[in-house]
Amino acid sequence: MSSKVYVIGVGMTKFEKPGRREGWDYPDMAREAGTAALHDAGIAYDTVQEVYAGYVYGDSTSGQRAVYELGLTGVPVVNVNNNCSTGSTALWLAARAVRGAADCVLAIGFEKMAPGSLSETYADRALPLGRHIRELERLRGPGRPMAPWMFAEAGREHMERYGTTAEQFARIAVKNHRHSVNNPYAQFQREFSLDEVLASPGIVAPLTRLQCSPTSDGSAAAVLASESFVDRHGLAGRAVEIVGQAMVTDFEDTFDGTAAALVGAHMSRAAARAVYEQAGLGPQDLSVIELHDCFATNELLTYEALGLCGEGEGGKLVDAGDTTYGGRWVVNPSGGLISKGHPLGATGLAQCAELTWQLRGTAGARQVPAAAEHTGVALAHNIGLGGAAVVTAYRPADR
């Protein structure tokens, strides 16, 4: 049994507006990302012993159909669906496999999405988020569309409790769009001013369109390996160790009477604390963070859940510039979900790819200098409502 797990190869496609690449189906996406990850690791697909394939929208063996583009070797392929945290859940399962009996495992996520806001797929059965929605309606009154409404209400609650402003939320979107200019994989690569973000069409106050993640097509993948595999193949100079990882689901206090809890704040906090304890690290040790900014309001809530600041102090981090280049941390150098895009099954693995490049010092114009230094540590945060939160800490193997 391996006590250590390493990321030895990553790959991803450019995230695209749904349908923009004509004829680009999910097997094509998975082939592109998976091939890139295998090439990055310097291995062939027949070296992989298990595969965890994540997607939210698709039929039951879409994972097999996708990875058959890489080869037909008879290895176990496990289909994974955990809402927006699907990619990180596939990564979590792959890491557990390496800590068990496997030496080399592939985690891959992909999504082919319909344009527009997410909607209910099955009208003839219980809605998975039904309990969360009913509770939020009781607390805050009804609203739609569902996802932006839920996160907007959590933001409005924060404004009422702590004096956070609509402009502070908008500045998060300004930051992430600015970061994405240097990311060739991002769906959007355009900088927007604060006035442009605030003036973009309103979705659910305080959120405007440019503060919301888009629907996206795309794929991302990571190859994970044991310590003995890394040693045998001389990969320590490129490998990135997973030094802490936790997945949690909803607790009783998800329904504690706050909108923040209903959109995952307590799950995120619990997962982060578990990872800090495992890794012997704290927020002060982090250099770079990729977190789940499905909406600008959630990025600010997550600052607090990850312990970057005290409760109610997220707006102060924004005003101080502490979450961008030159600040205490760089959060979402990729552009985050807001600007990089959000193909649900791929998002968590795209975070892994970005942080691997950052820690290797190969992120190009978006490189965070401190991440490539000897003390560089990275953190990823990915959530799915209904619910699951996955937090992962990374550090290069040779440090």
Protein backbone atom coordinates (compact mmCIF):
# COMPACT_ATOMS: atom_id res chain seq x y z
CA MET A 1 0.00 0.00 0.00
CA SER A 2 1.35 3.40 -1.00
CA SER A 3 1.15 6.08 1.67
CA LYS A 4 1.91 8.81 -0.87
CA VAL A 5 0.14 9.80 -4.06
CA TYR A 6 1.60 11.89 -6.86
CA VAL A 7 0.22 13.67 -9.89
CA ILE A 8 2.61 12.73 -12.70
CA GLY A 9 0.73 14.01 -15.72
CA VAL A 10 -2.06 16.48 -16.49
CA GLY A 11 -3.88 17.62 -19.59
CA MET A 12 -6.96 19.55 -20.61
CA THR A 13 -8.76 20.94 -23.59
CA LYS A 14 -9.60 24.56 -24.10
CA PHE A 15 -12.99 25.13 -22.51
CA GLU A 16 -15.52 26.26 -25.09
CA LYS A 17 -19.01 27.69 -25.37
CA PRO A 18 -21.35 24.71 -25.98
CA GLY A 19 -21.48 23.83 -29.66
CA ARG A 20 -18.76 26.25 -30.68
CA ARG A 21 -16.52 23.49 -32.06
CA GLU A 22 -18.68 21.75 -34.60
CA GLY A 23 -18.70 17.96 -34.29
CA TRP A 24 -16.74 18.04 -31.02
CA ASP A 25 -18.33 15.31 -28.91
CA TYR A 26 -17.39 14.12 -25.45
CA PRO A 27 -15.20 11.22 -26.70
CA ASP A 28 -13.19 13.76 -28.71
CA MET A 29 -12.79 15.94 -25.62
CA ALA A 30 -11.66 13.00 -23.49
CA ARG A 31 -9.22 11.80 -26.13
CA GLU A 32 -7.65 15.26 -26.31
CA ALA A 33 -7.29 15.74 -22.55
CA GLY A 34 -6.39 12.14 -21.77
CA THR A 35 -3.74 11.93 -24.47
CA ALA A 36 -2.20 15.16 -23.19
CA ALA A 37 -2.09 13.83 -19.61
CA LEU A 38 -0.51 10.53 -20.67
CA HIS A 39 2.06 12.38 -22.80
CA ASP A 40 2.83 14.69 -19.89
CA ALA A 41 3.40 11.64 -17.66
CA GLY A 42 5.51 9.95 -20.32
CA ILE A 43 3.50 6.74 -20.25
CA ALA A 44 1.22 4.77 -22.55
CA TYR A 45 -2.43 4.07 -21.73
CA ASP A 46 -1.69 0.37 -21.19
CA THR A 47 0.28 1.37 -18.08
CA VAL A 48 -2.91 2.65 -16.44
CA GLN A 49 -4.50 0.12 -14.07
CA GLU A 50 -7.78 1.85 -13.24
CA VAL A 51 -9.81 4.77 -14.61
CA TYR A 52 -12.28 7.07 -12.85
CA ALA A 53 -14.32 8.99 -15.44
CA GLY A 54 -16.46 11.92 -14.30
CA TYR A 55 -19.39 13.60 -16.04
CA VAL A 56 -22.79 14.94 -14.97
CA TYR A 57 -24.80 14.87 -18.20
CA GLY A 58 -24.68 11.58 -20.08
CA ASP A 59 -25.72 7.95 -20.19
CA SER A 60 -24.49 5.31 -17.78
CA THR A 61 -21.37 4.10 -19.58
CA SER A 62 -20.24 7.38 -21.11
CA GLY A 63 -17.00 6.97 -19.16
CA GLN A 64 -16.14 3.79 -21.03
CA ARG A 65 -17.06 5.33 -24.38
CA ALA A 66 -14.82 8.29 -23.62
CA VAL A 67 -11.70 6.45 -22.45
CA TYR A 68 -11.95 3.80 -25.17
CA GLU A 69 -10.56 6.61 -27.32
CA LEU A 70 -7.30 6.11 -25.38
CA GLY A 71 -7.23 2.33 -25.68
CA LEU A 72 -9.06 -0.94 -25.07
CA THR A 73 -7.10 -2.66 -22.31
CA GLY A 74 -9.83 -4.20 -20.15
CA VAL A 75 -9.02 -2.14 -17.05
CA PRO A 76 -11.81 -1.13 -14.65
CA VAL A 77 -13.54 2.10 -15.65
CA VAL A 78 -15.70 3.65 -12.92
CA ASN A 79 -18.28 6.27 -13.90
CA VAL A 80 -18.49 9.17 -11.43
CA ASN A 81 -21.26 11.78 -11.00
CA ASN A 82 -21.21 14.17 -8.05
CA ASN A 83 -22.71 17.36 -9.44
CA CYS A 84 -20.19 20.21 -9.86
CA SER A 85 -17.62 18.40 -7.70
CA THR A 86 -17.52 15.42 -10.08
CA GLY A 87 -13.99 16.02 -11.38
CA SER A 88 -12.51 16.33 -7.90
CA THR A 89 -14.47 13.28 -6.77
CA ALA A 90 -12.90 11.26 -9.59
CA LEU A 91 -9.51 12.56 -8.44
CA TRP A 92 -10.31 11.62 -4.82
CA LEU A 93 -11.28 8.09 -5.85
CA ALA A 94 -8.16 7.74 -8.00
CA ALA A 95 -5.97 8.83 -5.08
CA ARG A 96 -7.63 6.26 -2.82
CA ALA A 97 -6.96 3.59 -5.44
CA VAL A 98 -3.26 4.47 -5.45
CA ARG A 99 -3.19 4.34 -1.67
CA GLY A 100 -4.65 0.85 -2.01
CA ALA A 101 -3.42 -1.62 -4.61
CA ALA A 102 -2.87 0.41 -7.79
CA ASP A 103 0.39 1.96 -9.00
CA CYS A 104 -0.95 4.14 -11.82
CA VAL A 105 -4.51 5.48 -12.19
CA LEU A 106 -6.20 7.91 -14.57
CA ALA A 107 -8.83 10.43 -13.43
CA ILE A 108 -10.65 12.11 -16.31
CA GLY A 109 -13.62 14.44 -16.47
CA PHE A 110 -15.60 15.77 -19.40
CA GLU A 111 -18.86 17.51 -20.16
CA LYS A 112 -20.94 18.33 -23.22
CA MET A 113 -23.47 20.89 -22.02
CA ALA A 114 -26.57 22.60 -23.34
CA PRO A 115 -26.46 26.41 -23.60
CA GLY A 116 -28.14 28.53 -20.93
CA SER A 117 -28.85 28.08 -17.24
CA LEU A 118 -28.83 24.62 -15.71
CA SER A 119 -32.30 23.09 -15.51
CA GLU A 120 -34.06 20.09 -14.02
CA THR A 121 -33.45 16.96 -16.13
CA TYR A 122 -36.04 14.57 -14.69
CA ALA A 123 -39.46 15.96 -13.81
CA ASP A 124 -40.96 12.64 -12.70
CA ARG A 125 -38.95 12.14 -9.49
CA ALA A 126 -37.67 13.92 -6.39
CA LEU A 127 -35.37 16.84 -7.10
CA PRO A 128 -31.97 16.13 -5.49
CA LEU A 129 -31.77 19.71 -4.21
CA GLY A 130 -35.41 19.79 -3.18
CA ARG A 131 -34.74 20.00 0.56
CA HIS A 132 -32.13 22.74 0.09
CA ILE A 133 -34.44 24.76 -2.17
CA ARG A 134 -37.43 24.49 0.18
CA GLU A 135 -35.30 25.65 3.10
CA LEU A 136 -33.88 28.59 1.15
CA GLU A 137 -37.37 29.60 0.04
CA ARG A 138 -38.46 29.51 3.67
CA LEU A 139 -35.53 31.70 4.68
CA ARG A 140 -35.30 34.10 1.77
CA GLY A 141 -38.38 33.72 -0.43
CA PRO A 142 -38.62 32.00 -3.84
CA GLY A 143 -36.43 32.80 -6.82
CA ARG A 144 -35.12 31.59 -10.16
CA PRO A 145 -33.01 30.55 -12.03
CA MET A 146 -32.12 28.02 -9.38
CA ALA A 147 -28.29 28.05 -9.19
CA PRO A 148 -27.66 31.82 -9.43
CA TRP A 149 -30.61 32.45 -7.11
CA MET A 150 -29.16 30.19 -4.41
CA PHE A 151 -25.71 31.78 -4.53
CA ALA A 152 -27.12 35.29 -4.90
CA GLU A 153 -29.17 34.84 -1.74
CA ALA A 154 -26.06 33.68 0.11
CA GLY A 155 -24.34 36.85 -1.08
CA ARG A 156 -27.26 39.07 -0.06
CA GLU A 157 -27.24 37.46 3.36
CA HIS A 158 -23.54 38.29 3.67
CA MET A 159 -24.28 41.89 2.68
CA GLU A 160 -26.98 42.17 5.34
CA ARG A 161 -24.86 40.62 8.08
CA TYR A 162 -21.45 42.12 7.40
CA GLY A 163 -21.91 45.15 5.16
CA THR A 164 -20.33 43.51 2.14
CA THR A 165 -21.06 45.47 -1.04
CA ALA A 166 -22.16 44.56 -4.55
CA GLU A 167 -18.98 46.24 -5.78
CA GLN A 168 -16.80 43.88 -3.73
CA PHE A 169 -18.44 40.87 -5.36
CA ALA A 170 -18.02 42.50 -8.78
CA ARG A 171 -14.31 43.11 -8.13
CA ILE A 172 -13.86 39.34 -7.77
CA ALA A 173 -15.21 38.89 -11.29
CA VAL A 174 -12.97 41.70 -12.55
CA LYS A 175 -9.97 39.89 -11.04
CA ASN A 176 -10.83 36.50 -12.52
CA HIS A 177 -11.53 37.86 -15.99
CA ARG A 178 -8.21 39.71 -15.82
CA HIS A 179 -6.39 36.52 -14.82
CA SER A 180 -7.90 34.55 -17.70
CA VAL A 181 -6.35 36.83 -20.32
CA ASN A 182 -3.14 34.79 -19.93
CA ASN A 183 -4.83 31.35 -19.99
CA PRO A 184 -5.05 29.78 -23.46
CA TYR A 185 -7.42 27.12 -22.08
CA ALA A 186 -10.00 29.66 -20.85
CA GLN A 187 -13.41 30.08 -22.47
CA PHE A 188 -13.14 33.85 -22.04
CA GLN A 189 -9.86 35.72 -22.42
CA ARG A 190 -11.03 39.29 -22.16
CA GLU A 191 -10.52 41.81 -19.38
CA PHE A 192 -13.58 43.72 -18.12
CA SER A 193 -13.69 46.90 -16.06
CA LEU A 194 -15.64 47.18 -12.83
CA ASP A 195 -18.20 49.34 -14.60
CA GLU A 196 -18.62 46.72 -17.34
CA VAL A 197 -19.14 43.94 -14.79
CA LEU A 198 -21.70 45.93 -12.84
CA ALA A 199 -23.49 47.06 -16.01
CA SER A 200 -23.75 43.61 -17.56
CA PRO A 201 -27.27 42.12 -17.58
CA GLY A 202 -28.63 41.34 -14.13
CA ILE A 203 -29.26 37.69 -13.31
CA VAL A 204 -30.27 37.69 -9.63
CA ALA A 205 -29.14 40.66 -7.53
CA PRO A 206 -26.35 41.27 -6.73
CA LEU A 207 -25.11 38.97 -9.51
CA THR A 208 -24.73 40.17 -13.07
CA ARG A 209 -23.92 37.96 -16.03
CA LEU A 210 -20.18 38.62 -15.85
CA GLN A 211 -20.15 37.38 -12.24
CA CYS A 212 -21.58 33.98 -13.21
CA SER A 213 -19.77 30.94 -14.62
CA PRO A 214 -20.93 29.94 -18.11
CA THR A 215 -21.99 26.55 -19.37
CA SER A 216 -19.04 24.98 -21.15
CA ASP A 217 -17.81 22.02 -23.15
CA GLY A 218 -14.45 20.50 -22.31
CA SER A 219 -12.33 17.88 -20.59
CA ALA A 220 -9.42 17.59 -18.17
CA ALA A 221 -7.38 14.65 -16.90
CA ALA A 222 -4.73 13.70 -14.38
CA VAL A 223 -2.50 10.63 -14.05
CA LEU A 224 -1.83 9.62 -10.44
CA ALA A 225 0.90 7.25 -9.30
CA SER A 226 2.45 5.68 -6.23
CA GLU A 227 5.80 6.59 -4.72
CA SER A 228 7.38 3.39 -6.05
CA PHE A 229 6.13 4.16 -9.57
CA VAL A 230 7.59 7.67 -9.39
CA ASP A 231 10.90 6.28 -8.18
CA ARG A 232 11.06 3.56 -10.86
CA HIS A 233 10.38 6.01 -13.66
CA GLY A 234 12.55 8.87 -12.35
CA LEU A 235 9.62 11.31 -12.16
CA ALA A 236 10.36 13.09 -8.88
CA GLY A 237 11.47 16.26 -10.65
CA ARG A 238 8.04 16.72 -12.27
CA ALA A 239 5.71 14.92 -9.88
CA VAL A 240 3.41 16.85 -7.55
CA GLU A 241 2.41 15.21 -4.29
CA ILE A 242 -1.12 15.26 -2.92
CA VAL A 243 -0.25 16.09 0.68
CA GLY A 244 -3.82 16.40 1.92
CA GLN A 245 -7.24 15.61 0.54
CA ALA A 246 -10.76 15.41 1.95
CA MET A 247 -14.27 15.00 0.65
CA VAL A 248 -17.26 15.75 2.86
CA THR A 249 -21.00 15.84 2.29
CA ASP A 250 -23.75 17.80 4.01
CA PHE A 251 -23.96 17.93 7.79
CA GLU A 252 -26.98 18.62 9.97
CA ASP A 253 -25.79 22.23 10.17
CA THR A 254 -26.29 22.64 6.42
CA PHE A 255 -29.84 23.43 7.55
CA ASP A 256 -28.85 25.81 10.35
CA GLY A 257 -30.97 28.68 9.06
CA THR A 258 -28.36 30.38 6.84
CA ALA A 259 -28.17 30.65 3.08
CA ALA A 260 -24.37 30.30 3.22
CA ALA A 261 -24.67 26.82 4.72
CA LEU A 262 -27.16 25.75 2.06
CA VAL A 263 -24.64 26.56 -0.68
CA GLY A 264 -21.87 24.57 0.95
CA ALA A 265 -19.98 26.89 3.31
CA HIS A 266 -19.90 24.39 6.17
CA MET A 267 -18.87 21.52 3.89
CA SER A 268 -16.04 23.63 2.49
CA ARG A 269 -14.87 24.65 5.95
CA ALA A 270 -14.85 21.05 7.23
CA ALA A 271 -12.97 19.75 4.20
CA ALA A 272 -10.37 22.52 4.43
CA ARG A 273 -9.76 21.89 8.12
CA ALA A 274 -9.28 18.18 7.48
CA VAL A 275 -6.74 18.90 4.73
CA TYR A 276 -4.79 21.39 6.83
CA GLU A 277 -4.57 18.82 9.60
CA GLN A 278 -3.45 16.04 7.25
CA ALA A 279 -0.83 18.18 5.58
CA GLY A 280 0.41 20.01 8.67
CA LEU A 281 -0.27 23.27 6.88
CA GLY A 282 -2.43 26.34 7.28
CA PRO A 283 -3.74 29.09 5.02
CA GLN A 284 -0.58 31.09 5.67
CA ASP A 285 1.48 28.38 3.92
CA LEU A 286 -0.43 28.54 0.64
CA SER A 287 0.94 30.27 -2.45
CA VAL A 288 -1.82 29.70 -4.98
CA ILE A 289 -5.46 28.61 -4.79
CA GLU A 290 -7.99 27.41 -7.33
CA LEU A 291 -11.45 27.59 -5.77
CA HIS A 292 -15.03 27.07 -6.87
CA ASP A 293 -16.15 30.51 -8.02
CA CYS A 294 -19.30 29.31 -9.79
CA PHE A 295 -20.56 32.79 -8.86
CA ALA A 296 -18.59 35.73 -7.50
CA THR A 297 -20.51 35.57 -4.23
CA ASN A 298 -19.25 32.05 -3.63
CA GLU A 299 -15.61 33.01 -4.07
CA LEU A 300 -15.94 35.52 -1.26
CA LEU A 301 -17.75 33.01 0.98
CA THR A 302 -15.03 30.48 0.26
CA TYR A 303 -12.27 32.86 1.37
CA GLU A 304 -13.78 32.57 4.83
CA ALA A 305 -14.45 28.83 4.64
CA LEU A 306 -10.81 28.17 3.72
CA GLY A 307 -9.59 30.30 6.60
CA LEU A 308 -8.02 33.04 4.51
CA CYS A 309 -9.79 35.53 6.75
CA GLY A 310 -12.30 35.62 9.58
CA GLU A 311 -16.04 35.29 9.17
CA GLY A 312 -17.49 38.38 7.54
CA GLU A 313 -14.07 39.66 6.43
CA GLY A 314 -14.03 38.43 2.82
CA GLY A 315 -14.75 41.89 1.48
CA LYS A 316 -11.65 43.22 3.21
CA LEU A 317 -9.48 40.73 1.30
CA VAL A 318 -10.96 42.00 -1.95
CA ASP A 319 -10.37 45.65 -1.05
CA ALA A 320 -6.79 44.93 0.02
CA GLY A 321 -5.94 43.08 -3.21
CA ASP A 322 -4.89 40.06 -1.16
CA THR A 323 -6.19 37.48 -3.65
CA THR A 324 -4.40 38.53 -6.82
CA TYR A 325 -0.82 38.99 -8.03
CA GLY A 326 1.15 41.00 -5.48
CA GLY A 327 -1.21 40.00 -2.67
CA ARG A 328 -0.96 37.34 0.03
CA TRP A 329 -2.36 34.64 -2.27
CA VAL A 330 -3.24 34.39 -5.94
CA VAL A 331 -6.73 32.94 -6.17
CA ASN A 332 -7.89 31.50 -9.49
CA PRO A 333 -4.93 32.44 -11.70
CA SER A 334 -6.63 30.34 -14.39
CA GLY A 335 -9.57 32.75 -14.46
CA GLY A 336 -11.63 30.42 -12.31
CA LEU A 337 -15.01 29.05 -13.30
CA ILE A 338 -16.27 32.55 -14.06
CA SER A 339 -13.86 33.09 -16.92
CA LYS A 340 -12.09 29.79 -17.62
CA GLY A 341 -15.48 28.05 -17.88
CA HIS A 342 -17.31 25.31 -16.02
CA PRO A 343 -17.84 21.98 -17.84
CA LEU A 344 -19.08 20.30 -14.67
CA GLY A 345 -17.29 16.96 -14.87
CA ALA A 346 -13.98 18.54 -15.87
CA THR A 347 -13.77 21.47 -13.44
CA GLY A 348 -12.04 19.78 -10.51
CA LEU A 349 -9.46 18.15 -12.75
CA ALA A 350 -8.80 21.43 -14.55
CA GLN A 351 -7.98 22.87 -11.12
CA CYS A 352 -5.51 20.01 -10.62
CA ALA A 353 -3.91 20.73 -13.99
CA GLU A 354 -3.56 24.45 -13.31
CA LEU A 355 -1.99 23.92 -9.89
CA THR A 356 0.38 21.27 -11.22
CA TRP A 357 1.63 23.73 -13.84
CA GLN A 358 1.92 26.47 -11.21
CA LEU A 359 3.99 24.30 -8.87
CA ARG A 360 6.23 23.15 -11.71
CA GLY A 361 6.77 26.77 -12.71
CA THR A 362 5.43 26.16 -16.23
CA ALA A 363 2.27 28.33 -16.16
CA GLY A 364 3.70 30.93 -18.52
CA ALA A 365 2.41 34.49 -18.29
CA ARG A 366 0.04 33.60 -15.45
CA GLN A 367 2.77 32.02 -13.30
CA VAL A 368 2.51 32.81 -9.60
CA PRO A 369 6.17 33.40 -8.58
CA ALA A 370 5.78 32.04 -5.04
CA ALA A 371 4.24 28.78 -6.31
CA ALA A 372 7.43 27.86 -8.14
CA GLU A 373 9.66 28.59 -5.13
CA HIS A 374 10.96 25.95 -2.76
CA THR A 375 8.13 26.53 -0.29
CA GLY A 376 5.32 26.59 -2.87
CA VAL A 377 2.06 24.94 -1.77
CA ALA A 378 -1.23 24.91 -3.70
CA LEU A 379 -4.84 24.29 -2.69
CA ALA A 380 -7.87 23.30 -4.77
CA HIS A 381 -11.51 23.63 -3.66
CA ASN A 382 -14.45 22.19 -5.61
CA ILE A 383 -18.07 21.87 -4.49
CA GLY A 384 -21.31 20.38 -5.75
CA LEU A 385 -24.61 21.22 -4.12
CA GLY A 386 -26.72 18.46 -2.76
CA GLY A 387 -23.84 17.91 -1.84
CA ALA A 388 -20.09 17.36 -1.73
CA ALA A 389 -16.98 19.46 -1.16
CA VAL A 390 -13.51 18.29 -2.12
CA VAL A 391 -10.35 20.11 -0.98
CA THR A 392 -6.87 19.02 -2.08
CA ALA A 393 -3.42 20.32 -1.11
CA TYR A 394 -0.41 19.88 -3.40
CA ARG A 395 3.36 20.26 -3.09
CA PRO A 396 6.10 19.24 -5.55
CA ALA A 397 7.68 15.87 -4.82
CA ASP A 398 11.24 17.20 -4.76
CA ARG A 399 10.55 19.78 -2.05
